[in-house]
Amino acid sequence: MVAYLIGVNGHVVAVPLKNRKTVNSKWYTTICLPEVLEKNMKNTLHCRIILHHDNANRHTSPEAIRFLEGQKIQLTGHPPYSSDLSPNDFYLFPSVKNKLRGQRYSSREKAVDVLSIHILEILK
């Protein structure tokens, strides 16, 4: 599994979930978000960050909210069950899954690179 975050200007960062662990608020706030912020800060100095994510428990947990507030990251609202605001779930991810189905990679990094290439092709 890979957490893939897309910015206004395209690809931001892909964060692989290692050793088949579960995505939870601890992973989201201690591994995923810090890595995203680190890579985002290199590309957007002095820019305000506004984050839009769905209403998953890991995104709305008290730990995640405290982390984002501490980093001065503004959140946008997400209505429940809104397919209009999550086209990635209905178009992008199924399309990538179809392209990658049945392929094997020598490393996690290679798989993430191939995923990024396919997503960037679709976004263009």
PDB file of N, CA and C in Angstrom:
ATOM      1  N   MET A   1       0.840  -1.166   0.000  1.00  0.00           N
ATOM      2  CA  MET A   1       0.000   0.000   0.000  1.00  0.00           C
ATOM      3  C   MET A   1       0.892   1.237   0.000  1.00  0.00           C
ATOM      4  N   VAL A   2       0.428   2.260  -0.692  1.00  0.00           N
ATOM      5  CA  VAL A   2       1.163   3.508  -0.795  1.00  0.00           C
ATOM      6  C   VAL A   2       0.204   4.661  -0.555  1.00  0.00           C
ATOM      7  N   ALA A   3       0.584   5.581   0.312  1.00  0.00           N
ATOM      8  CA  ALA A   3      -0.162   6.823   0.466  1.00  0.00           C
ATOM      9  C   ALA A   3       0.405   7.775  -0.575  1.00  0.00           C
ATOM     10  N   TYR A   4      -0.446   8.238  -1.461  1.00  0.00           N
ATOM     11  CA  TYR A   4      -0.001   9.085  -2.562  1.00  0.00           C
ATOM     12  C   TYR A   4      -0.689  10.421  -2.427  1.00  0.00           C
ATOM     13  N   LEU A   5       0.081  11.478  -2.210  1.00  0.00           N
ATOM     14  CA  LEU A   5      -0.485  12.800  -2.020  1.00  0.00           C
ATOM     15  C   LEU A   5      -0.132  13.679  -3.205  1.00  0.00           C
ATOM     16  N   ILE A   6      -1.146  14.303  -3.779  1.00  0.00           N
ATOM     17  CA  ILE A   6      -0.983  15.110  -4.978  1.00  0.00           C
ATOM     18  C   ILE A   6      -1.199  16.566  -4.623  1.00  0.00           C
ATOM     19  N   GLY A   7      -0.265  17.392  -5.051  1.00  0.00           N
ATOM     20  CA  GLY A   7      -0.364  18.820  -4.825  1.00  0.00           C
ATOM     21  C   GLY A   7      -0.957  19.538  -6.025  1.00  0.00           C
ATOM     22  N   VAL A   8      -1.116  20.832  -5.900  1.00  0.00           N
ATOM     23  CA  VAL A   8      -1.667  21.640  -6.974  1.00  0.00           C
ATOM     24  C   VAL A   8      -0.820  21.530  -8.239  1.00  0.00           C
ATOM     25  N   ASN A   9       0.480  21.413  -8.069  1.00  0.00           N
ATOM     26  CA  ASN A   9       1.384  21.350  -9.210  1.00  0.00           C
ATOM     27  C   ASN A   9       1.722  19.931  -9.648  1.00  0.00           C
ATOM     28  N   GLY A  10       0.978  18.945  -9.199  1.00  0.00           N
ATOM     29  CA  GLY A  10       1.246  17.563  -9.594  1.00  0.00           C
ATOM     30  C   GLY A  10       1.732  16.731  -8.422  1.00  0.00           C
ATOM     31  N   HIS A  11       2.590  15.796  -8.711  1.00  0.00           N
ATOM     32  CA  HIS A  11       3.083  14.832  -7.715  1.00  0.00           C
ATOM     33  C   HIS A  11       3.783  15.516  -6.552  1.00  0.00           C
ATOM     34  N   VAL A  12       3.408  15.161  -5.365  1.00  0.00           N
ATOM     35  CA  VAL A  12       4.086  15.657  -4.178  1.00  0.00           C
ATOM     36  C   VAL A  12       4.961  14.553  -3.607  1.00  0.00           C
ATOM     37  N   VAL A  13       4.335  13.499  -3.130  1.00  0.00           N
ATOM     38  CA  VAL A  13       5.122  12.435  -2.508  1.00  0.00           C
ATOM     39  C   VAL A  13       4.304  11.146  -2.421  1.00  0.00           C
ATOM     40  N   ALA A  14       5.004  10.042  -2.573  1.00  0.00           N
ATOM     41  CA  ALA A  14       4.412   8.718  -2.350  1.00  0.00           C
ATOM     42  C   ALA A  14       5.086   8.138  -1.111  1.00  0.00           C
ATOM     43  N   VAL A  15       4.287   7.733  -0.143  1.00  0.00           N
ATOM     44  CA  VAL A  15       4.811   7.184   1.106  1.00  0.00           C
ATOM     45  C   VAL A  15       4.377   5.727   1.212  1.00  0.00           C
ATOM     46  N   PRO A  16       5.322   4.794   0.992  1.00  0.00           N
ATOM     47  CA  PRO A  16       4.938   3.379   1.084  1.00  0.00           C
ATOM     48  C   PRO A  16       4.725   2.946   2.533  1.00  0.00           C
ATOM     49  N   LEU A  17       3.763   2.083   2.711  1.00  0.00           N
ATOM     50  CA  LEU A  17       3.481   1.505   4.019  1.00  0.00           C
ATOM     51  C   LEU A  17       4.287   0.220   4.100  1.00  0.00           C
ATOM     52  N   LYS A  18       5.241   0.164   5.005  1.00  0.00           N
ATOM     53  CA  LYS A  18       6.187  -0.947   5.060  1.00  0.00           C
ATOM     54  C   LYS A  18       5.673  -2.121   5.871  1.00  0.00           C
ATOM     55  N   ASN A  19       6.127  -3.288   5.489  1.00  0.00           N
ATOM     56  CA  ASN A  19       5.871  -4.536   6.221  1.00  0.00           C
ATOM     57  C   ASN A  19       4.394  -4.823   6.448  1.00  0.00           C
ATOM     58  N   ARG A  20       3.564  -4.484   5.459  1.00  0.00           N
ATOM     59  CA  ARG A  20       2.132  -4.792   5.507  1.00  0.00           C
ATOM     60  C   ARG A  20       1.455  -4.277   6.769  1.00  0.00           C
ATOM     61  N   LYS A  21       1.876  -3.162   7.253  1.00  0.00           N
ATOM     62  CA  LYS A  21       1.265  -2.569   8.440  1.00  0.00           C
ATOM     63  C   LYS A  21      -0.066  -1.929   8.061  1.00  0.00           C
ATOM     64  N   THR A  22      -0.824  -1.550   9.056  1.00  0.00           N
ATOM     65  CA  THR A  22      -2.119  -0.928   8.851  1.00  0.00           C
ATOM     66  C   THR A  22      -1.984   0.587   8.871  1.00  0.00           C
ATOM     67  N   VAL A  23      -2.730   1.248   8.021  1.00  0.00           N
ATOM     68  CA  VAL A  23      -2.764   2.707   8.044  1.00  0.00           C
ATOM     69  C   VAL A  23      -3.630   3.109   9.228  1.00  0.00           C
ATOM     70  N   ASN A  24      -3.022   3.816  10.163  1.00  0.00           N
ATOM     71  CA  ASN A  24      -3.759   4.306  11.329  1.00  0.00           C
ATOM     72  C   ASN A  24      -3.281   5.716  11.643  1.00  0.00           C
ATOM     73  N   SER A  25      -3.866   6.335  12.646  1.00  0.00           N
ATOM     74  CA  SER A  25      -3.512   7.725  12.940  1.00  0.00           C
ATOM     75  C   SER A  25      -2.068   7.862  13.402  1.00  0.00           C
ATOM     76  N   LYS A  26      -1.547   6.858  14.098  1.00  0.00           N
ATOM     77  CA  LYS A  26      -0.145   6.925  14.529  1.00  0.00           C
ATOM     78  C   LYS A  26       0.784   6.952  13.323  1.00  0.00           C
ATOM     79  N   TRP A  27       0.586   6.039  12.358  1.00  0.00           N
ATOM     80  CA  TRP A  27       1.406   6.025  11.145  1.00  0.00           C
ATOM     81  C   TRP A  27       1.235   7.327  10.365  1.00  0.00           C
ATOM     82  N   TYR A  28      -0.007   7.785  10.275  1.00  0.00           N
ATOM     83  CA  TYR A  28      -0.306   8.997   9.513  1.00  0.00           C
ATOM     84  C   TYR A  28       0.399  10.223  10.099  1.00  0.00           C
ATOM     85  N   THR A  29       0.423  10.334  11.434  1.00  0.00           N
ATOM     86  CA  THR A  29       1.002  11.524  12.060  1.00  0.00           C
ATOM     87  C   THR A  29       2.498  11.425  12.332  1.00  0.00           C
ATOM     88  N   THR A  30       3.034  10.210  12.436  1.00  0.00           N
ATOM     89  CA  THR A  30       4.468  10.089  12.751  1.00  0.00           C
ATOM     90  C   THR A  30       5.333   9.767  11.541  1.00  0.00           C
ATOM     91  N   ILE A  31       4.740   9.208  10.493  1.00  0.00           N
ATOM     92  CA  ILE A  31       5.535   8.836   9.321  1.00  0.00           C
ATOM     93  C   ILE A  31       5.071   9.571   8.064  1.00  0.00           C
ATOM     94  N   CYS A  32       3.796   9.421   7.738  1.00  0.00           N
ATOM     95  CA  CYS A  32       3.289   9.952   6.473  1.00  0.00           C
ATOM     96  C   CYS A  32       3.345  11.481   6.404  1.00  0.00           C
ATOM     97  N   LEU A  33       2.648  12.157   7.294  1.00  0.00           N
ATOM     98  CA  LEU A  33       2.597  13.621   7.241  1.00  0.00           C
ATOM     99  C   LEU A  33       3.973  14.280   7.376  1.00  0.00           C
ATOM    100  N   PRO A  34       4.838  13.842   8.309  1.00  0.00           N
ATOM    101  CA  PRO A  34       6.166  14.465   8.365  1.00  0.00           C
ATOM    102  C   PRO A  34       6.950  14.311   7.058  1.00  0.00           C
ATOM    103  N   GLU A  35       6.845  13.149   6.408  1.00  0.00           N
ATOM    104  CA  GLU A  35       7.556  12.954   5.146  1.00  0.00           C
ATOM    105  C   GLU A  35       6.979  13.849   4.051  1.00  0.00           C
ATOM    106  N   VAL A  36       5.669  13.969   4.016  1.00  0.00           N
ATOM    107  CA  VAL A  36       5.023  14.838   3.034  1.00  0.00           C
ATOM    108  C   VAL A  36       5.446  16.286   3.259  1.00  0.00           C
ATOM    109  N   LEU A  37       5.431  16.725   4.499  1.00  0.00           N
ATOM    110  CA  LEU A  37       5.802  18.106   4.805  1.00  0.00           C
ATOM    111  C   LEU A  37       7.269  18.381   4.471  1.00  0.00           C
ATOM    112  N   GLU A  38       8.127  17.432   4.791  1.00  0.00           N
ATOM    113  CA  GLU A  38       9.547  17.602   4.497  1.00  0.00           C
ATOM    114  C   GLU A  38       9.767  17.789   2.992  1.00  0.00           C
ATOM    115  N   LYS A  39       9.162  16.948   2.186  1.00  0.00           N
ATOM    116  CA  LYS A  39       9.338  17.045   0.736  1.00  0.00           C
ATOM    117  C   LYS A  39       8.609  18.248   0.169  1.00  0.00           C
ATOM    118  N   ASN A  40       7.474  18.603   0.745  1.00  0.00           N
ATOM    119  CA  ASN A  40       6.718  19.756   0.265  1.00  0.00           C
ATOM    120  C   ASN A  40       7.437  21.061   0.569  1.00  0.00           C
ATOM    121  N   MET A  41       8.057  21.149   1.745  1.00  0.00           N
ATOM    122  CA  MET A  41       8.749  22.379   2.138  1.00  0.00           C
ATOM    123  C   MET A  41       9.935  22.679   1.229  1.00  0.00           C
ATOM    124  N   LYS A  42      10.565  21.651   0.675  1.00  0.00           N
ATOM    125  CA  LYS A  42      11.680  21.873  -0.239  1.00  0.00           C
ATOM    126  C   LYS A  42      11.226  22.579  -1.506  1.00  0.00           C
ATOM    127  N   ASN A  43       9.989  22.292  -1.930  1.00  0.00           N
ATOM    128  CA  ASN A  43       9.485  22.813  -3.194  1.00  0.00           C
ATOM    129  C   ASN A  43       8.680  24.097  -3.047  1.00  0.00           C
ATOM    130  N   THR A  44       8.164  24.385  -1.871  1.00  0.00           N
ATOM    131  CA  THR A  44       7.286  25.539  -1.702  1.00  0.00           C
ATOM    132  C   THR A  44       7.674  26.325  -0.456  1.00  0.00           C
ATOM    133  N   LEU A  45       8.750  27.018  -0.536  1.00  0.00           N
ATOM    134  CA  LEU A  45       9.173  27.834   0.601  1.00  0.00           C
ATOM    135  C   LEU A  45       8.191  28.971   0.824  1.00  0.00           C
ATOM    136  N   HIS A  46       7.839  29.215   2.051  1.00  0.00           N
ATOM    137  CA  HIS A  46       6.983  30.320   2.461  1.00  0.00           C
ATOM    138  C   HIS A  46       5.570  30.238   1.900  1.00  0.00           C
ATOM    139  N   CYS A  47       5.119  29.080   1.483  1.00  0.00           N
ATOM    140  CA  CYS A  47       3.754  28.933   0.982  1.00  0.00           C
ATOM    141  C   CYS A  47       2.861  28.379   2.076  1.00  0.00           C
ATOM    142  N   ARG A  48       1.638  28.803   2.052  1.00  0.00           N
ATOM    143  CA  ARG A  48       0.645  28.291   2.980  1.00  0.00           C
ATOM    144  C   ARG A  48       0.195  26.921   2.482  1.00  0.00           C
ATOM    145  N   ILE A  49       0.022  25.997   3.399  1.00  0.00           N
ATOM    146  CA  ILE A  49      -0.424  24.655   3.035  1.00  0.00           C
ATOM    147  C   ILE A  49      -1.873  24.487   3.462  1.00  0.00           C
ATOM    148  N   ILE A  50      -2.700  24.088   2.502  1.00  0.00           N
ATOM    149  CA  ILE A  50      -4.092  23.760   2.779  1.00  0.00           C
ATOM    150  C   ILE A  50      -4.263  22.305   2.392  1.00  0.00           C
ATOM    151  N   LEU A  51      -4.696  21.493   3.323  1.00  0.00           N
ATOM    152  CA  LEU A  51      -4.806  20.059   3.112  1.00  0.00           C
ATOM    153  C   LEU A  51      -6.261  19.647   2.973  1.00  0.00           C
ATOM    154  N   HIS A  52      -6.524  18.863   1.942  1.00  0.00           N
ATOM    155  CA  HIS A  52      -7.855  18.284   1.771  1.00  0.00           C
ATOM    156  C   HIS A  52      -7.716  16.774   1.811  1.00  0.00           C
ATOM    157  N   HIS A  53      -8.355  16.164   2.744  1.00  0.00           N
ATOM    158  CA  HIS A  53      -8.410  14.712   2.779  1.00  0.00           C
ATOM    159  C   HIS A  53      -9.804  14.296   3.207  1.00  0.00           C
ATOM    160  N   ASP A  54     -10.078  13.009   3.083  1.00  0.00           N
ATOM    161  CA  ASP A  54     -11.426  12.545   3.391  1.00  0.00           C
ATOM    162  C   ASP A  54     -11.630  12.435   4.894  1.00  0.00           C
ATOM    163  N   ASN A  55     -12.761  11.875   5.263  1.00  0.00           N
ATOM    164  CA  ASN A  55     -13.123  11.787   6.686  1.00  0.00           C
ATOM    165  C   ASN A  55     -12.716  10.474   7.331  1.00  0.00           C
ATOM    166  N   ALA A  56     -11.681   9.834   6.813  1.00  0.00           N
ATOM    167  CA  ALA A  56     -11.196   8.586   7.402  1.00  0.00           C
ATOM    168  C   ALA A  56     -10.746   8.845   8.843  1.00  0.00           C
ATOM    169  N   ASN A  57     -10.877   7.833   9.688  1.00  0.00           N
ATOM    170  CA  ASN A  57     -10.522   7.975  11.107  1.00  0.00           C
ATOM    171  C   ASN A  57      -9.099   8.485  11.298  1.00  0.00           C
ATOM    172  N   ARG A  58      -8.155   8.006  10.496  1.00  0.00           N
ATOM    173  CA  ARG A  58      -6.764   8.441  10.655  1.00  0.00           C
ATOM    174  C   ARG A  58      -6.601   9.928  10.347  1.00  0.00           C
ATOM    175  N   HIS A  59      -7.454  10.475   9.491  1.00  0.00           N
ATOM    176  CA  HIS A  59      -7.363  11.889   9.130  1.00  0.00           C
ATOM    177  C   HIS A  59      -8.045  12.799  10.149  1.00  0.00           C
ATOM    178  N   THR A  60      -9.055  12.281  10.809  1.00  0.00           N
ATOM    179  CA  THR A  60      -9.835  13.106  11.736  1.00  0.00           C
ATOM    180  C   THR A  60      -9.537  12.810  13.202  1.00  0.00           C
ATOM    181  N   SER A  61      -8.538  11.977  13.454  1.00  0.00           N
ATOM    182  CA  SER A  61      -8.209  11.622  14.836  1.00  0.00           C
ATOM    183  C   SER A  61      -7.666  12.845  15.585  1.00  0.00           C
ATOM    184  N   PRO A  62      -7.809  12.869  16.897  1.00  0.00           N
ATOM    185  CA  PRO A  62      -7.257  13.980  17.675  1.00  0.00           C
ATOM    186  C   PRO A  62      -5.747  14.148  17.454  1.00  0.00           C
ATOM    187  N   GLU A  63      -5.019  13.029  17.288  1.00  0.00           N
ATOM    188  CA  GLU A  63      -3.570  13.112  17.053  1.00  0.00           C
ATOM    189  C   GLU A  63      -3.271  13.826  15.743  1.00  0.00           C
ATOM    190  N   ALA A  64      -4.015  13.472  14.694  1.00  0.00           N
ATOM    191  CA  ALA A  64      -3.788  14.099  13.386  1.00  0.00           C
ATOM    192  C   ALA A  64      -4.138  15.583  13.431  1.00  0.00           C
ATOM    193  N   ILE A  65      -5.251  15.924  14.062  1.00  0.00           N
ATOM    194  CA  ILE A  65      -5.661  17.337  14.156  1.00  0.00           C
ATOM    195  C   ILE A  65      -4.625  18.140  14.938  1.00  0.00           C
ATOM    196  N   ARG A  66      -4.144  17.608  16.066  1.00  0.00           N
ATOM    197  CA  ARG A  66      -3.110  18.308  16.848  1.00  0.00           C
ATOM    198  C   ARG A  66      -1.841  18.500  16.025  1.00  0.00           C
ATOM    199  N   PHE A  67      -1.418  17.463  15.309  1.00  0.00           N
ATOM    200  CA  PHE A  67      -0.214  17.558  14.479  1.00  0.00           C
ATOM    201  C   PHE A  67      -0.372  18.653  13.425  1.00  0.00           C
ATOM    202  N   LEU A  68      -1.482  18.646  12.711  1.00  0.00           N
ATOM    203  CA  LEU A  68      -1.700  19.624  11.648  1.00  0.00           C
ATOM    204  C   LEU A  68      -1.792  21.044  12.198  1.00  0.00           C
ATOM    205  N   GLU A  69      -2.462  21.215  13.326  1.00  0.00           N
ATOM    206  CA  GLU A  69      -2.539  22.534  13.955  1.00  0.00           C
ATOM    207  C   GLU A  69      -1.160  23.005  14.393  1.00  0.00           C
ATOM    208  N   GLY A  70      -0.353  22.088  14.941  1.00  0.00           N
ATOM    209  CA  GLY A  70       1.002  22.429  15.358  1.00  0.00           C
ATOM    210  C   GLY A  70       1.892  22.856  14.200  1.00  0.00           C
ATOM    211  N   GLN A  71       1.606  22.324  13.016  1.00  0.00           N
ATOM    212  CA  GLN A  71       2.368  22.677  11.813  1.00  0.00           C
ATOM    213  C   GLN A  71       1.741  23.864  11.077  1.00  0.00           C
ATOM    214  N   LYS A  72       0.654  24.398  11.619  1.00  0.00           N
ATOM    215  CA  LYS A  72      -0.080  25.513  11.020  1.00  0.00           C
ATOM    216  C   LYS A  72      -0.591  25.179   9.613  1.00  0.00           C
ATOM    217  N   ILE A  73      -1.099  23.962   9.488  1.00  0.00           N
ATOM    218  CA  ILE A  73      -1.672  23.512   8.228  1.00  0.00           C
ATOM    219  C   ILE A  73      -3.179  23.651   8.316  1.00  0.00           C
ATOM    220  N   GLN A  74      -3.730  24.329   7.345  1.00  0.00           N
ATOM    221  CA  GLN A  74      -5.163  24.564   7.312  1.00  0.00           C
ATOM    222  C   GLN A  74      -5.856  23.381   6.635  1.00  0.00           C
ATOM    223  N   LEU A  75      -6.981  22.981   7.186  1.00  0.00           N
ATOM    224  CA  LEU A  75      -7.767  21.886   6.618  1.00  0.00           C
ATOM    225  C   LEU A  75      -8.989  22.437   5.901  1.00  0.00           C
ATOM    226  N   THR A  76      -9.336  21.818   4.790  1.00  0.00           N
ATOM    227  CA  THR A  76     -10.597  22.142   4.134  1.00  0.00           C
ATOM    228  C   THR A  76     -11.593  21.062   4.517  1.00  0.00           C
ATOM    229  N   GLY A  77     -12.833  21.389   4.495  1.00  0.00           N
ATOM    230  CA  GLY A  77     -13.861  20.425   4.856  1.00  0.00           C
ATOM    231  C   GLY A  77     -14.091  19.399   3.760  1.00  0.00           C
ATOM    232  N   HIS A  78     -14.633  18.270   4.146  1.00  0.00           N
ATOM    233  CA  HIS A  78     -14.965  17.217   3.186  1.00  0.00           C
ATOM    234  C   HIS A  78     -16.321  16.654   3.569  1.00  0.00           C
ATOM    235  N   PRO A  79     -17.334  16.885   2.741  1.00  0.00           N
ATOM    236  CA  PRO A  79     -18.656  16.344   3.070  1.00  0.00           C
ATOM    237  C   PRO A  79     -18.644  14.819   3.100  1.00  0.00           C
ATOM    238  N   PRO A  80     -19.450  14.212   3.935  1.00  0.00           N
ATOM    239  CA  PRO A  80     -19.482  12.751   3.964  1.00  0.00           C
ATOM    240  C   PRO A  80     -20.010  12.174   2.658  1.00  0.00           C
ATOM    241  N   TYR A  81     -19.409  11.073   2.224  1.00  0.00           N
ATOM    242  CA  TYR A  81     -19.855  10.333   1.042  1.00  0.00           C
ATOM    243  C   TYR A  81     -19.906  11.186  -0.222  1.00  0.00           C
ATOM    244  N   SER A  82     -18.911  12.007  -0.429  1.00  0.00           N
ATOM    245  CA  SER A  82     -18.913  12.880  -1.596  1.00  0.00           C
ATOM    246  C   SER A  82     -18.005  12.328  -2.685  1.00  0.00           C
ATOM    247  N   SER A  83     -18.578  11.695  -3.693  1.00  0.00           N
ATOM    248  CA  SER A  83     -17.776  11.190  -4.810  1.00  0.00           C
ATOM    249  C   SER A  83     -17.250  12.326  -5.668  1.00  0.00           C
ATOM    250  N   ASP A  84     -17.911  13.487  -5.640  1.00  0.00           N
ATOM    251  CA  ASP A  84     -17.442  14.633  -6.417  1.00  0.00           C
ATOM    252  C   ASP A  84     -16.077  15.122  -5.944  1.00  0.00           C
ATOM    253  N   LEU A  85     -15.802  14.979  -4.654  1.00  0.00           N
ATOM    254  CA  LEU A  85     -14.544  15.463  -4.113  1.00  0.00           C
ATOM    255  C   LEU A  85     -13.473  14.385  -4.023  1.00  0.00           C
ATOM    256  N   SER A  86     -13.775  13.192  -4.473  1.00  0.00           N
ATOM    257  CA  SER A  86     -12.766  12.136  -4.451  1.00  0.00           C
ATOM    258  C   SER A  86     -12.720  11.403  -5.796  1.00  0.00           C
ATOM    259  N   PRO A  87     -12.483  12.138  -6.891  1.00  0.00           N
ATOM    260  CA  PRO A  87     -12.425  11.485  -8.208  1.00  0.00           C
ATOM    261  C   PRO A  87     -11.283  10.480  -8.305  1.00  0.00           C
ATOM    262  N   ASN A  88     -10.273  10.626  -7.469  1.00  0.00           N
ATOM    263  CA  ASN A  88      -9.171   9.655  -7.483  1.00  0.00           C
ATOM    264  C   ASN A  88      -9.685   8.254  -7.183  1.00  0.00           C
ATOM    265  N   ASP A  89     -10.635   8.140  -6.256  1.00  0.00           N
ATOM    266  CA  ASP A  89     -11.169   6.830  -5.888  1.00  0.00           C
ATOM    267  C   ASP A  89     -11.967   6.202  -7.028  1.00  0.00           C
ATOM    268  N   PHE A  90     -12.538   7.016  -7.892  1.00  0.00           N
ATOM    269  CA  PHE A  90     -13.423   6.506  -8.937  1.00  0.00           C
ATOM    270  C   PHE A  90     -12.768   6.446 -10.309  1.00  0.00           C
ATOM    271  N   TYR A  91     -11.678   7.196 -10.524  1.00  0.00           N
ATOM    272  CA  TYR A  91     -11.032   7.184 -11.829  1.00  0.00           C
ATOM    273  C   TYR A  91      -9.541   6.846 -11.742  1.00  0.00           C
ATOM    274  N   LEU A  92      -8.807   7.636 -11.008  1.00  0.00           N
ATOM    275  CA  LEU A  92      -7.348   7.516 -10.993  1.00  0.00           C
ATOM    276  C   LEU A  92      -6.874   6.168 -10.453  1.00  0.00           C
ATOM    277  N   PHE A  93      -7.278   5.802  -9.255  1.00  0.00           N
ATOM    278  CA  PHE A  93      -6.773   4.572  -8.642  1.00  0.00           C
ATOM    279  C   PHE A  93      -7.205   3.312  -9.390  1.00  0.00           C
ATOM    280  N   PRO A  94      -8.470   3.188  -9.826  1.00  0.00           N
ATOM    281  CA  PRO A  94      -8.823   1.992 -10.612  1.00  0.00           C
ATOM    282  C   PRO A  94      -8.027   1.900 -11.920  1.00  0.00           C
ATOM    283  N   SER A  95      -7.783   3.031 -12.551  1.00  0.00           N
ATOM    284  CA  SER A  95      -7.011   3.042 -13.796  1.00  0.00           C
ATOM    285  C   SER A  95      -5.582   2.556 -13.553  1.00  0.00           C
ATOM    286  N   VAL A  96      -4.957   3.041 -12.494  1.00  0.00           N
ATOM    287  CA  VAL A  96      -3.587   2.623 -12.161  1.00  0.00           C
ATOM    288  C   VAL A  96      -3.563   1.150 -11.773  1.00  0.00           C
ATOM    289  N   LYS A  97      -4.547   0.705 -11.002  1.00  0.00           N
ATOM    290  CA  LYS A  97      -4.600  -0.708 -10.617  1.00  0.00           C
ATOM    291  C   LYS A  97      -4.674  -1.606 -11.850  1.00  0.00           C
ATOM    292  N   ASN A  98      -5.458  -1.209 -12.838  1.00  0.00           N
ATOM    293  CA  ASN A  98      -5.563  -2.003 -14.067  1.00  0.00           C
ATOM    294  C   ASN A  98      -4.238  -2.066 -14.812  1.00  0.00           C
ATOM    295  N   LYS A  99      -3.510  -0.951 -14.850  1.00  0.00           N
ATOM    296  CA  LYS A  99      -2.212  -0.932 -15.548  1.00  0.00           C
ATOM    297  C   LYS A  99      -1.169  -1.778 -14.837  1.00  0.00           C
ATOM    298  N   LEU A 100      -1.211  -1.803 -13.514  1.00  0.00           N
ATOM    299  CA  LEU A 100      -0.177  -2.492 -12.739  1.00  0.00           C
ATOM    300  C   LEU A 100      -0.533  -3.939 -12.377  1.00  0.00           C
ATOM    301  N   ARG A 101      -1.767  -4.336 -12.641  1.00  0.00           N
ATOM    302  CA  ARG A 101      -2.235  -5.677 -12.254  1.00  0.00           C
ATOM    303  C   ARG A 101      -1.338  -6.767 -12.847  1.00  0.00           C
ATOM    304  N   GLY A 102      -0.904  -7.685 -11.999  1.00  0.00           N
ATOM    305  CA  GLY A 102      -0.119  -8.839 -12.438  1.00  0.00           C
ATOM    306  C   GLY A 102       1.374  -8.591 -12.575  1.00  0.00           C
ATOM    307  N   GLN A 103       1.827  -7.377 -12.372  1.00  0.00           N
ATOM    308  CA  GLN A 103       3.256  -7.085 -12.499  1.00  0.00           C
ATOM    309  C   GLN A 103       3.954  -7.289 -11.152  1.00  0.00           C
ATOM    310  N   ARG A 104       5.218  -7.658 -11.203  1.00  0.00           N
ATOM    311  CA  ARG A 104       6.035  -7.845 -10.006  1.00  0.00           C
ATOM    312  C   ARG A 104       7.254  -6.930 -10.107  1.00  0.00           C
ATOM    313  N   TYR A 105       7.719  -6.453  -8.953  1.00  0.00           N
ATOM    314  CA  TYR A 105       8.856  -5.529  -8.924  1.00  0.00           C
ATOM    315  C   TYR A 105       9.907  -6.045  -7.961  1.00  0.00           C
ATOM    316  N   SER A 106      11.145  -5.700  -8.248  1.00  0.00           N
ATOM    317  CA  SER A 106      12.266  -6.205  -7.456  1.00  0.00           C
ATOM    318  C   SER A 106      12.375  -5.527  -6.093  1.00  0.00           C
ATOM    319  N   SER A 107      11.765  -4.361  -5.943  1.00  0.00           N
ATOM    320  CA  SER A 107      11.845  -3.652  -4.665  1.00  0.00           C
ATOM    321  C   SER A 107      10.618  -2.772  -4.490  1.00  0.00           C
ATOM    322  N   ARG A 108      10.390  -2.375  -3.259  1.00  0.00           N
ATOM    323  CA  ARG A 108       9.294  -1.465  -2.940  1.00  0.00           C
ATOM    324  C   ARG A 108       9.494  -0.127  -3.652  1.00  0.00           C
ATOM    325  N   GLU A 109      10.744   0.338  -3.702  1.00  0.00           N
ATOM    326  CA  GLU A 109      11.051   1.619  -4.331  1.00  0.00           C
ATOM    327  C   GLU A 109      10.728   1.597  -5.821  1.00  0.00           C
ATOM    328  N   LYS A 110      11.049   0.486  -6.493  1.00  0.00           N
ATOM    329  CA  LYS A 110      10.756   0.352  -7.920  1.00  0.00           C
ATOM    330  C   LYS A 110       9.246   0.389  -8.154  1.00  0.00           C
ATOM    331  N   ALA A 111       8.489  -0.277  -7.308  1.00  0.00           N
ATOM    332  CA  ALA A 111       7.033  -0.272  -7.438  1.00  0.00           C
ATOM    333  C   ALA A 111       6.472   1.135  -7.267  1.00  0.00           C
ATOM    334  N   VAL A 112       6.992   1.877  -6.297  1.00  0.00           N
ATOM    335  CA  VAL A 112       6.532   3.249  -6.073  1.00  0.00           C
ATOM    336  C   VAL A 112       6.903   4.127  -7.265  1.00  0.00           C
ATOM    337  N   ASP A 113       8.082   3.937  -7.842  1.00  0.00           N
ATOM    338  CA  ASP A 113       8.488   4.708  -9.022  1.00  0.00           C
ATOM    339  C   ASP A 113       7.548   4.454 -10.197  1.00  0.00           C
ATOM    340  N   VAL A 114       7.222   3.189 -10.435  1.00  0.00           N
ATOM    341  CA  VAL A 114       6.313   2.841 -11.529  1.00  0.00           C
ATOM    342  C   VAL A 114       4.928   3.436 -11.274  1.00  0.00           C
ATOM    343  N   LEU A 115       4.455   3.358 -10.034  1.00  0.00           N
ATOM    344  CA  LEU A 115       3.176   3.960  -9.666  1.00  0.00           C
ATOM    345  C   LEU A 115       3.186   5.456  -9.977  1.00  0.00           C
ATOM    346  N   SER A 116       4.244   6.142  -9.573  1.00  0.00           N
ATOM    347  CA  SER A 116       4.348   7.583  -9.805  1.00  0.00           C
ATOM    348  C   SER A 116       4.324   7.913 -11.288  1.00  0.00           C
ATOM    349  N   ILE A 117       5.019   7.133 -12.090  1.00  0.00           N
ATOM    350  CA  ILE A 117       5.043   7.367 -13.542  1.00  0.00           C
ATOM    351  C   ILE A 117       3.653   7.225 -14.129  1.00  0.00           C
ATOM    352  N   HIS A 118       2.923   6.179 -13.744  1.00  0.00           N
ATOM    353  CA  HIS A 118       1.574   5.973 -14.269  1.00  0.00           C
ATOM    354  C   HIS A 118       0.633   7.088 -13.824  1.00  0.00           C
ATOM    355  N   ILE A 119       0.723   7.499 -12.586  1.00  0.00           N
ATOM    356  CA  ILE A 119      -0.155   8.563 -12.104  1.00  0.00           C
ATOM    357  C   ILE A 119       0.138   9.876 -12.825  1.00  0.00           C
ATOM    358  N   LEU A 120       1.426  10.185 -13.012  1.00  0.00           N
ATOM    359  CA  LEU A 120       1.764  11.419 -13.722  1.00  0.00           C
ATOM    360  C   LEU A 120       1.296  11.391 -15.167  1.00  0.00           C
ATOM    361  N   GLU A 121       1.348  10.230 -15.826  1.00  0.00           N
ATOM    362  CA  GLU A 121       0.845  10.116 -17.193  1.00  0.00           C
ATOM    363  C   GLU A 121      -0.653  10.411 -17.245  1.00  0.00           C
ATOM    364  N   ILE A 122      -1.395   9.883 -16.296  1.00  0.00           N
ATOM    365  CA  ILE A 122      -2.838  10.092 -16.262  1.00  0.00           C
ATOM    366  C   ILE A 122      -3.157  11.555 -15.959  1.00  0.00           C
ATOM    367  N   LEU A 123      -2.417  12.171 -15.021  1.00  0.00           N
ATOM    368  CA  LEU A 123      -2.680  13.558 -14.647  1.00  0.00           C
ATOM    369  C   LEU A 123      -2.427  14.525 -15.790  1.00  0.00           C
ATOM    370  N   LYS A 124      -1.481  14.169 -16.684  1.00  0.00           N
ATOM    371  CA  LYS A 124      -1.200  15.049 -17.824  1.00  0.00           C
ATOM    372  C   LYS A 124      -2.389  15.081 -18.747  1.00  0.00           C
TER     373      LYS A 124
END
